[in-house]
């Protein structure tokens, strides 16, 4: 398998993941909450609070992608 084919397969997997109810019913609304929370952080707060919020959001997205890829692989078997 070529590297280009591997990347194409990964993109296909991600496209399938985005259609799973686990993603659409749970992760997408939580993502929206993070987006809203970022706008609510007062500018007077130390930068650390905003960074921790963004880091937490990024961790949610990474963990979700890893977990759903595993779920997708189980469904394909």
PDB file of N, CA and C in Angstrom:
ATOM      1  N   UNK A   1       0.849  -1.175   0.000  1.00  0.00           N
ATOM      2  CA  UNK A   1       0.000   0.000   0.000  1.00  0.00           C
ATOM      3  C   UNK A   1       0.893   1.235   0.000  1.00  0.00           C
ATOM      4  N   UNK A   2       0.582   2.160  -0.845  1.00  0.00           N
ATOM      5  CA  UNK A   2       1.345   3.404  -0.902  1.00  0.00           C
ATOM      6  C   UNK A   2       0.898   4.345   0.219  1.00  0.00           C
ATOM      7  N   UNK A   3       1.728   5.321   0.499  1.00  0.00           N
ATOM      8  CA  UNK A   3       1.389   6.297   1.528  1.00  0.00           C
ATOM      9  C   UNK A   3       0.152   7.096   1.120  1.00  0.00           C
ATOM     10  N   UNK A   4       0.043   7.426  -0.153  1.00  0.00           N
ATOM     11  CA  UNK A   4      -1.134   8.158  -0.634  1.00  0.00           C
ATOM     12  C   UNK A   4      -2.405   7.342  -0.435  1.00  0.00           C
ATOM     13  N   UNK A   5      -2.329   6.044  -0.679  1.00  0.00           N
ATOM     14  CA  UNK A   5      -3.496   5.180  -0.484  1.00  0.00           C
ATOM     15  C   UNK A   5      -3.863   5.099   0.999  1.00  0.00           C
ATOM     16  N   UNK A   6      -2.844   5.015   1.856  1.00  0.00           N
ATOM     17  CA  UNK A   6      -3.079   4.989   3.300  1.00  0.00           C
ATOM     18  C   UNK A   6      -3.823   6.250   3.743  1.00  0.00           C
ATOM     19  N   UNK A   7      -3.355   7.405   3.280  1.00  0.00           N
ATOM     20  CA  UNK A   7      -4.008   8.669   3.646  1.00  0.00           C
ATOM     21  C   UNK A   7      -5.434   8.729   3.111  1.00  0.00           C
ATOM     22  N   UNK A   8      -5.651   8.227   1.909  1.00  0.00           N
ATOM     23  CA  UNK A   8      -6.999   8.208   1.340  1.00  0.00           C
ATOM     24  C   UNK A   8      -7.920   7.309   2.174  1.00  0.00           C
ATOM     25  N   UNK A   9      -7.391   6.166   2.614  1.00  0.00           N
ATOM     26  CA  UNK A   9      -8.179   5.264   3.455  1.00  0.00           C
ATOM     27  C   UNK A   9      -8.514   5.916   4.796  1.00  0.00           C
ATOM     28  N   UNK A  10      -7.552   6.625   5.378  1.00  0.00           N
ATOM     29  CA  UNK A  10      -7.796   7.314   6.640  1.00  0.00           C
ATOM     30  C   UNK A  10      -8.868   8.386   6.478  1.00  0.00           C
ATOM     31  N   UNK A  11      -8.834   9.108   5.380  1.00  0.00           N
ATOM     32  CA  UNK A  11      -9.852  10.129   5.126  1.00  0.00           C
ATOM     33  C   UNK A  11     -11.225   9.488   4.982  1.00  0.00           C
ATOM     34  N   UNK A  12     -11.282   8.363   4.298  1.00  0.00           N
ATOM     35  CA  UNK A  12     -12.545   7.641   4.155  1.00  0.00           C
ATOM     36  C   UNK A  12     -13.081   7.202   5.513  1.00  0.00           C
ATOM     37  N   UNK A  13     -12.182   6.711   6.373  1.00  0.00           N
ATOM     38  CA  UNK A  13     -12.596   6.311   7.720  1.00  0.00           C
ATOM     39  C   UNK A  13     -13.144   7.499   8.500  1.00  0.00           C
ATOM     40  N   UNK A  14     -12.476   8.627   8.406  1.00  0.00           N
ATOM     41  CA  UNK A  14     -12.948   9.817   9.118  1.00  0.00           C
ATOM     42  C   UNK A  14     -14.306  10.276   8.602  1.00  0.00           C
ATOM     43  N   UNK A  15     -14.520  10.179   7.299  1.00  0.00           N
ATOM     44  CA  UNK A  15     -15.817  10.549   6.734  1.00  0.00           C
ATOM     45  C   UNK A  15     -16.923   9.647   7.264  1.00  0.00           C
ATOM     46  N   UNK A  16     -16.618   8.361   7.439  1.00  0.00           N
ATOM     47  CA  UNK A  16     -17.601   7.428   7.992  1.00  0.00           C
ATOM     48  C   UNK A  16     -17.863   7.710   9.468  1.00  0.00           C
ATOM     49  N   UNK A  17     -16.819   8.036  10.199  1.00  0.00           N
ATOM     50  CA  UNK A  17     -16.948   8.329  11.622  1.00  0.00           C
ATOM     51  C   UNK A  17     -17.890   9.512  11.846  1.00  0.00           C
ATOM     52  N   UNK A  18     -17.774  10.509  11.012  1.00  0.00           N
ATOM     53  CA  UNK A  18     -18.589  11.718  11.191  1.00  0.00           C
ATOM     54  C   UNK A  18     -20.076  11.450  11.033  1.00  0.00           C
ATOM     55  N   UNK A  19     -20.450  10.305  10.456  1.00  0.00           N
ATOM     56  CA  UNK A  19     -21.855   9.959  10.269  1.00  0.00           C
ATOM     57  C   UNK A  19     -22.408   9.088  11.392  1.00  0.00           C
ATOM     58  N   UNK A  20     -21.530   8.533  12.245  1.00  0.00           N
ATOM     59  CA  UNK A  20     -21.973   7.655  13.329  1.00  0.00           C
ATOM     60  C   UNK A  20     -22.775   8.440  14.359  1.00  0.00           C
ATOM     61  N   UNK A  21     -23.832   7.817  14.909  1.00  0.00           N
ATOM     62  CA  UNK A  21     -24.633   8.522  15.917  1.00  0.00           C
ATOM     63  C   UNK A  21     -23.835   8.867  17.168  1.00  0.00           C
ATOM     64  N   UNK A  22     -22.799   8.092  17.464  1.00  0.00           N
ATOM     65  CA  UNK A  22     -21.962   8.394  18.620  1.00  0.00           C
ATOM     66  C   UNK A  22     -21.329   9.775  18.457  1.00  0.00           C
ATOM     67  N   UNK A  23     -21.022  10.110  17.237  1.00  0.00           N
ATOM     68  CA  UNK A  23     -20.406  11.401  16.962  1.00  0.00           C
ATOM     69  C   UNK A  23     -21.458  12.495  16.879  1.00  0.00           C
ATOM     70  N   UNK A  24     -22.491  12.273  16.079  1.00  0.00           N
ATOM     71  CA  UNK A  24     -23.474  13.328  15.834  1.00  0.00           C
ATOM     72  C   UNK A  24     -24.314  13.657  17.053  1.00  0.00           C
ATOM     73  N   UNK A  25     -24.595  12.664  17.908  1.00  0.00           N
ATOM     74  CA  UNK A  25     -25.467  12.901  19.062  1.00  0.00           C
ATOM     75  C   UNK A  25     -24.708  13.315  20.314  1.00  0.00           C
ATOM     76  N   UNK A  26     -23.422  13.025  20.379  1.00  0.00           N
ATOM     77  CA  UNK A  26     -22.689  13.315  21.604  1.00  0.00           C
ATOM     78  C   UNK A  26     -21.555  14.311  21.397  1.00  0.00           C
ATOM     79  N   UNK A  27     -20.662  14.016  20.489  1.00  0.00           N
ATOM     80  CA  UNK A  27     -19.452  14.817  20.356  1.00  0.00           C
ATOM     81  C   UNK A  27     -19.742  16.173  19.713  1.00  0.00           C
ATOM     82  N   UNK A  28     -20.556  16.200  18.695  1.00  0.00           N
ATOM     83  CA  UNK A  28     -20.843  17.471  18.027  1.00  0.00           C
ATOM     84  C   UNK A  28     -21.455  18.497  18.990  1.00  0.00           C
ATOM     85  N   UNK A  29     -22.445  18.118  19.829  1.00  0.00           N
ATOM     86  CA  UNK A  29     -22.969  19.110  20.787  1.00  0.00           C
ATOM     87  C   UNK A  29     -21.932  19.553  21.822  1.00  0.00           C
ATOM     88  N   UNK A  30     -21.077  18.636  22.284  1.00  0.00           N
ATOM     89  CA  UNK A  30     -20.044  19.017  23.245  1.00  0.00           C
ATOM     90  C   UNK A  30     -19.064  19.988  22.599  1.00  0.00           C
ATOM     91  N   UNK A  31     -18.737  19.743  21.338  1.00  0.00           N
ATOM     92  CA  UNK A  31     -17.869  20.666  20.598  1.00  0.00           C
ATOM     93  C   UNK A  31     -18.496  22.064  20.577  1.00  0.00           C
ATOM     94  N   UNK A  32     -19.795  22.119  20.366  1.00  0.00           N
ATOM     95  CA  UNK A  32     -20.489  23.407  20.376  1.00  0.00           C
ATOM     96  C   UNK A  32     -20.406  24.099  21.730  1.00  0.00           C
ATOM     97  N   UNK A  33     -20.472  23.322  22.801  1.00  0.00           N
ATOM     98  CA  UNK A  33     -20.344  23.900  24.135  1.00  0.00           C
ATOM     99  C   UNK A  33     -18.959  24.504  24.353  1.00  0.00           C
ATOM    100  N   UNK A  34     -17.936  23.812  23.867  1.00  0.00           N
ATOM    101  CA  UNK A  34     -16.577  24.369  23.979  1.00  0.00           C
ATOM    102  C   UNK A  34     -16.464  25.673  23.204  1.00  0.00           C
ATOM    103  N   UNK A  35     -17.031  25.691  21.993  1.00  0.00           N
ATOM    104  CA  UNK A  35     -16.977  26.926  21.207  1.00  0.00           C
ATOM    105  C   UNK A  35     -17.640  28.080  21.950  1.00  0.00           C
ATOM    106  N   UNK A  36     -18.787  27.799  22.565  1.00  0.00           N
ATOM    107  CA  UNK A  36     -19.479  28.831  23.320  1.00  0.00           C
ATOM    108  C   UNK A  36     -18.708  29.264  24.555  1.00  0.00           C
ATOM    109  N   UNK A  37     -18.074  28.308  25.213  1.00  0.00           N
ATOM    110  CA  UNK A  37     -17.325  28.613  26.436  1.00  0.00           C
ATOM    111  C   UNK A  37     -16.134  29.523  26.153  1.00  0.00           C
ATOM    112  N   UNK A  38     -15.484  29.333  25.029  1.00  0.00           N
ATOM    113  CA  UNK A  38     -14.331  30.174  24.686  1.00  0.00           C
ATOM    114  C   UNK A  38     -14.748  31.644  24.614  1.00  0.00           C
ATOM    115  N   UNK A  39     -15.913  31.901  24.081  1.00  0.00           N
ATOM    116  CA  UNK A  39     -16.380  33.291  23.970  1.00  0.00           C
ATOM    117  C   UNK A  39     -16.773  33.883  25.325  1.00  0.00           C
ATOM    118  N   UNK A  40     -17.043  33.025  26.307  1.00  0.00           N
ATOM    119  CA  UNK A  40     -17.484  33.508  27.619  1.00  0.00           C
ATOM    120  C   UNK A  40     -16.346  33.786  28.597  1.00  0.00           C
ATOM    121  N   UNK A  41     -15.135  33.368  28.252  1.00  0.00           N
ATOM    122  CA  UNK A  41     -13.996  33.610  29.149  1.00  0.00           C
ATOM    123  C   UNK A  41     -13.706  35.109  29.149  1.00  0.00           C
ATOM    124  N   UNK A  42     -13.802  35.750  30.309  1.00  0.00           N
ATOM    125  CA  UNK A  42     -13.531  37.191  30.366  1.00  0.00           C
ATOM    126  C   UNK A  42     -12.084  37.489  29.975  1.00  0.00           C
ATOM    127  N   UNK A  43     -11.893  38.563  29.274  1.00  0.00           N
ATOM    128  CA  UNK A  43     -10.550  38.955  28.847  1.00  0.00           C
ATOM    129  C   UNK A  43      -9.653  39.290  30.032  1.00  0.00           C
ATOM    130  N   UNK A  44     -10.250  39.581  31.165  1.00  0.00           N
ATOM    131  CA  UNK A  44      -9.462  39.924  32.353  1.00  0.00           C
ATOM    132  C   UNK A  44      -8.880  38.683  33.044  1.00  0.00           C
ATOM    133  N   UNK A  45      -9.328  37.501  32.645  1.00  0.00           N
ATOM    134  CA  UNK A  45      -8.827  36.264  33.253  1.00  0.00           C
ATOM    135  C   UNK A  45      -7.395  36.011  32.790  1.00  0.00           C
ATOM    136  N   UNK A  46      -6.600  35.353  33.622  1.00  0.00           N
ATOM    137  CA  UNK A  46      -5.246  34.992  33.191  1.00  0.00           C
ATOM    138  C   UNK A  46      -5.296  34.100  31.945  1.00  0.00           C
ATOM    139  N   UNK A  47      -4.333  34.241  31.093  1.00  0.00           N
ATOM    140  CA  UNK A  47      -4.275  33.499  29.831  1.00  0.00           C
ATOM    141  C   UNK A  47      -4.326  31.990  30.079  1.00  0.00           C
ATOM    142  N   UNK A  48      -3.832  31.563  31.213  1.00  0.00           N
ATOM    143  CA  UNK A  48      -3.792  30.143  31.541  1.00  0.00           C
ATOM    144  C   UNK A  48      -5.169  29.493  31.439  1.00  0.00           C
ATOM    145  N   UNK A  49      -6.222  30.184  31.870  1.00  0.00           N
ATOM    146  CA  UNK A  49      -7.559  29.620  31.834  1.00  0.00           C
ATOM    147  C   UNK A  49      -8.014  29.346  30.397  1.00  0.00           C
ATOM    148  N   UNK A  50      -7.767  30.279  29.527  1.00  0.00           N
ATOM    149  CA  UNK A  50      -8.120  30.083  28.121  1.00  0.00           C
ATOM    150  C   UNK A  50      -7.320  28.959  27.491  1.00  0.00           C
ATOM    151  N   UNK A  51      -6.055  28.884  27.821  1.00  0.00           N
ATOM    152  CA  UNK A  51      -5.209  27.814  27.275  1.00  0.00           C
ATOM    153  C   UNK A  51      -5.670  26.448  27.760  1.00  0.00           C
ATOM    154  N   UNK A  52      -6.038  26.354  29.043  1.00  0.00           N
ATOM    155  CA  UNK A  52      -6.520  25.078  29.570  1.00  0.00           C
ATOM    156  C   UNK A  52      -7.831  24.665  28.902  1.00  0.00           C
ATOM    157  N   UNK A  53      -8.697  25.631  28.641  1.00  0.00           N
ATOM    158  CA  UNK A  53      -9.947  25.338  27.951  1.00  0.00           C
ATOM    159  C   UNK A  53      -9.674  24.827  26.535  1.00  0.00           C
ATOM    160  N   UNK A  54      -8.785  25.486  25.826  1.00  0.00           N
ATOM    161  CA  UNK A  54      -8.450  25.054  24.469  1.00  0.00           C
ATOM    162  C   UNK A  54      -7.764  23.692  24.465  1.00  0.00           C
ATOM    163  N   UNK A  55      -6.906  23.445  25.434  1.00  0.00           N
ATOM    164  CA  UNK A  55      -6.235  22.156  25.540  1.00  0.00           C
ATOM    165  C   UNK A  55      -7.242  21.042  25.828  1.00  0.00           C
ATOM    166  N   UNK A  56      -8.177  21.308  26.699  1.00  0.00           N
ATOM    167  CA  UNK A  56      -9.219  20.332  27.009  1.00  0.00           C
ATOM    168  C   UNK A  56     -10.053  20.017  25.769  1.00  0.00           C
ATOM    169  N   UNK A  57     -10.379  21.037  25.005  1.00  0.00           N
ATOM    170  CA  UNK A  57     -11.154  20.847  23.776  1.00  0.00           C
ATOM    171  C   UNK A  57     -10.372  20.000  22.767  1.00  0.00           C
ATOM    172  N   UNK A  58      -9.107  20.297  22.615  1.00  0.00           N
ATOM    173  CA  UNK A  58      -8.274  19.524  21.691  1.00  0.00           C
ATOM    174  C   UNK A  58      -8.174  18.066  22.140  1.00  0.00           C
ATOM    175  N   UNK A  59      -8.066  17.850  23.447  1.00  0.00           N
ATOM    176  CA  UNK A  59      -8.011  16.483  23.962  1.00  0.00           C
ATOM    177  C   UNK A  59      -9.312  15.742  23.701  1.00  0.00           C
ATOM    178  N   UNK A  60     -10.444  16.430  23.831  1.00  0.00           N
ATOM    179  CA  UNK A  60     -11.731  15.814  23.509  1.00  0.00           C
ATOM    180  C   UNK A  60     -11.745  15.364  22.052  1.00  0.00           C
ATOM    181  N   UNK A  61     -11.314  16.232  21.157  1.00  0.00           N
ATOM    182  CA  UNK A  61     -11.337  15.887  19.733  1.00  0.00           C
ATOM    183  C   UNK A  61     -10.392  14.724  19.425  1.00  0.00           C
ATOM    184  N   UNK A  62      -9.222  14.719  20.027  1.00  0.00           N
ATOM    185  CA  UNK A  62      -8.271  13.629  19.791  1.00  0.00           C
ATOM    186  C   UNK A  62      -8.794  12.315  20.340  1.00  0.00           C
ATOM    187  N   UNK A  63      -9.282  12.334  21.565  1.00  0.00           N
ATOM    188  CA  UNK A  63      -9.798  11.109  22.179  1.00  0.00           C
ATOM    189  C   UNK A  63     -11.000  10.569  21.405  1.00  0.00           C
ATOM    190  N   UNK A  64     -11.859  11.460  20.952  1.00  0.00           N
ATOM    191  CA  UNK A  64     -13.026  11.044  20.184  1.00  0.00           C
ATOM    192  C   UNK A  64     -12.613  10.379  18.880  1.00  0.00           C
ATOM    193  N   UNK A  65     -11.664  10.971  18.196  1.00  0.00           N
ATOM    194  CA  UNK A  65     -11.205  10.406  16.932  1.00  0.00           C
ATOM    195  C   UNK A  65     -10.615   9.017  17.141  1.00  0.00           C
ATOM    196  N   UNK A  66      -9.797   8.864  18.159  1.00  0.00           N
ATOM    197  CA  UNK A  66      -9.181   7.568  18.430  1.00  0.00           C
ATOM    198  C   UNK A  66     -10.243   6.538  18.796  1.00  0.00           C
ATOM    199  N   UNK A  67     -11.156   6.907  19.688  1.00  0.00           N
ATOM    200  CA  UNK A  67     -12.191   5.971  20.121  1.00  0.00           C
ATOM    201  C   UNK A  67     -13.115   5.571  18.971  1.00  0.00           C
ATOM    202  N   UNK A  68     -13.526   6.535  18.177  1.00  0.00           N
ATOM    203  CA  UNK A  68     -14.445   6.222  17.087  1.00  0.00           C
ATOM    204  C   UNK A  68     -13.761   5.445  15.971  1.00  0.00           C
ATOM    205  N   UNK A  69     -12.482   5.660  15.762  1.00  0.00           N
ATOM    206  CA  UNK A  69     -11.774   4.832  14.786  1.00  0.00           C
ATOM    207  C   UNK A  69     -11.781   3.382  15.229  1.00  0.00           C
ATOM    208  N   UNK A  70     -11.581   3.144  16.521  1.00  0.00           N
ATOM    209  CA  UNK A  70     -11.635   1.791  17.042  1.00  0.00           C
ATOM    210  C   UNK A  70     -13.028   1.202  16.897  1.00  0.00           C
ATOM    211  N   UNK A  71     -14.059   1.980  17.172  1.00  0.00           N
ATOM    212  CA  UNK A  71     -15.433   1.515  17.016  1.00  0.00           C
ATOM    213  C   UNK A  71     -15.721   1.177  15.569  1.00  0.00           C
ATOM    214  N   UNK A  72     -15.276   2.024  14.666  1.00  0.00           N
ATOM    215  CA  UNK A  72     -15.488   1.775  13.240  1.00  0.00           C
ATOM    216  C   UNK A  72     -14.805   0.495  12.807  1.00  0.00           C
ATOM    217  N   UNK A  73     -13.590   0.278  13.291  1.00  0.00           N
ATOM    218  CA  UNK A  73     -12.870  -0.945  12.917  1.00  0.00           C
ATOM    219  C   UNK A  73     -13.604  -2.184  13.440  1.00  0.00           C
ATOM    220  N   UNK A  74     -14.191  -2.096  14.644  1.00  0.00           N
ATOM    221  CA  UNK A  74     -14.944  -3.221  15.187  1.00  0.00           C
ATOM    222  C   UNK A  74     -16.178  -3.499  14.346  1.00  0.00           C
ATOM    223  N   UNK A  75     -16.843  -2.463  13.849  1.00  0.00           N
ATOM    224  CA  UNK A  75     -18.044  -2.644  13.042  1.00  0.00           C
ATOM    225  C   UNK A  75     -17.709  -3.225  11.676  1.00  0.00           C
ATOM    226  N   UNK A  76     -16.523  -2.954  11.174  1.00  0.00           N
ATOM    227  CA  UNK A  76     -16.142  -3.456   9.848  1.00  0.00           C
ATOM    228  C   UNK A  76     -15.779  -4.935   9.880  1.00  0.00           C
ATOM    229  N   UNK A  77     -15.487  -5.468  11.052  1.00  0.00           N
ATOM    230  CA  UNK A  77     -15.094  -6.885  11.155  1.00  0.00           C
ATOM    231  C   UNK A  77     -16.258  -7.799  11.043  1.00  0.00           C
TER     232      UNK A  77
END
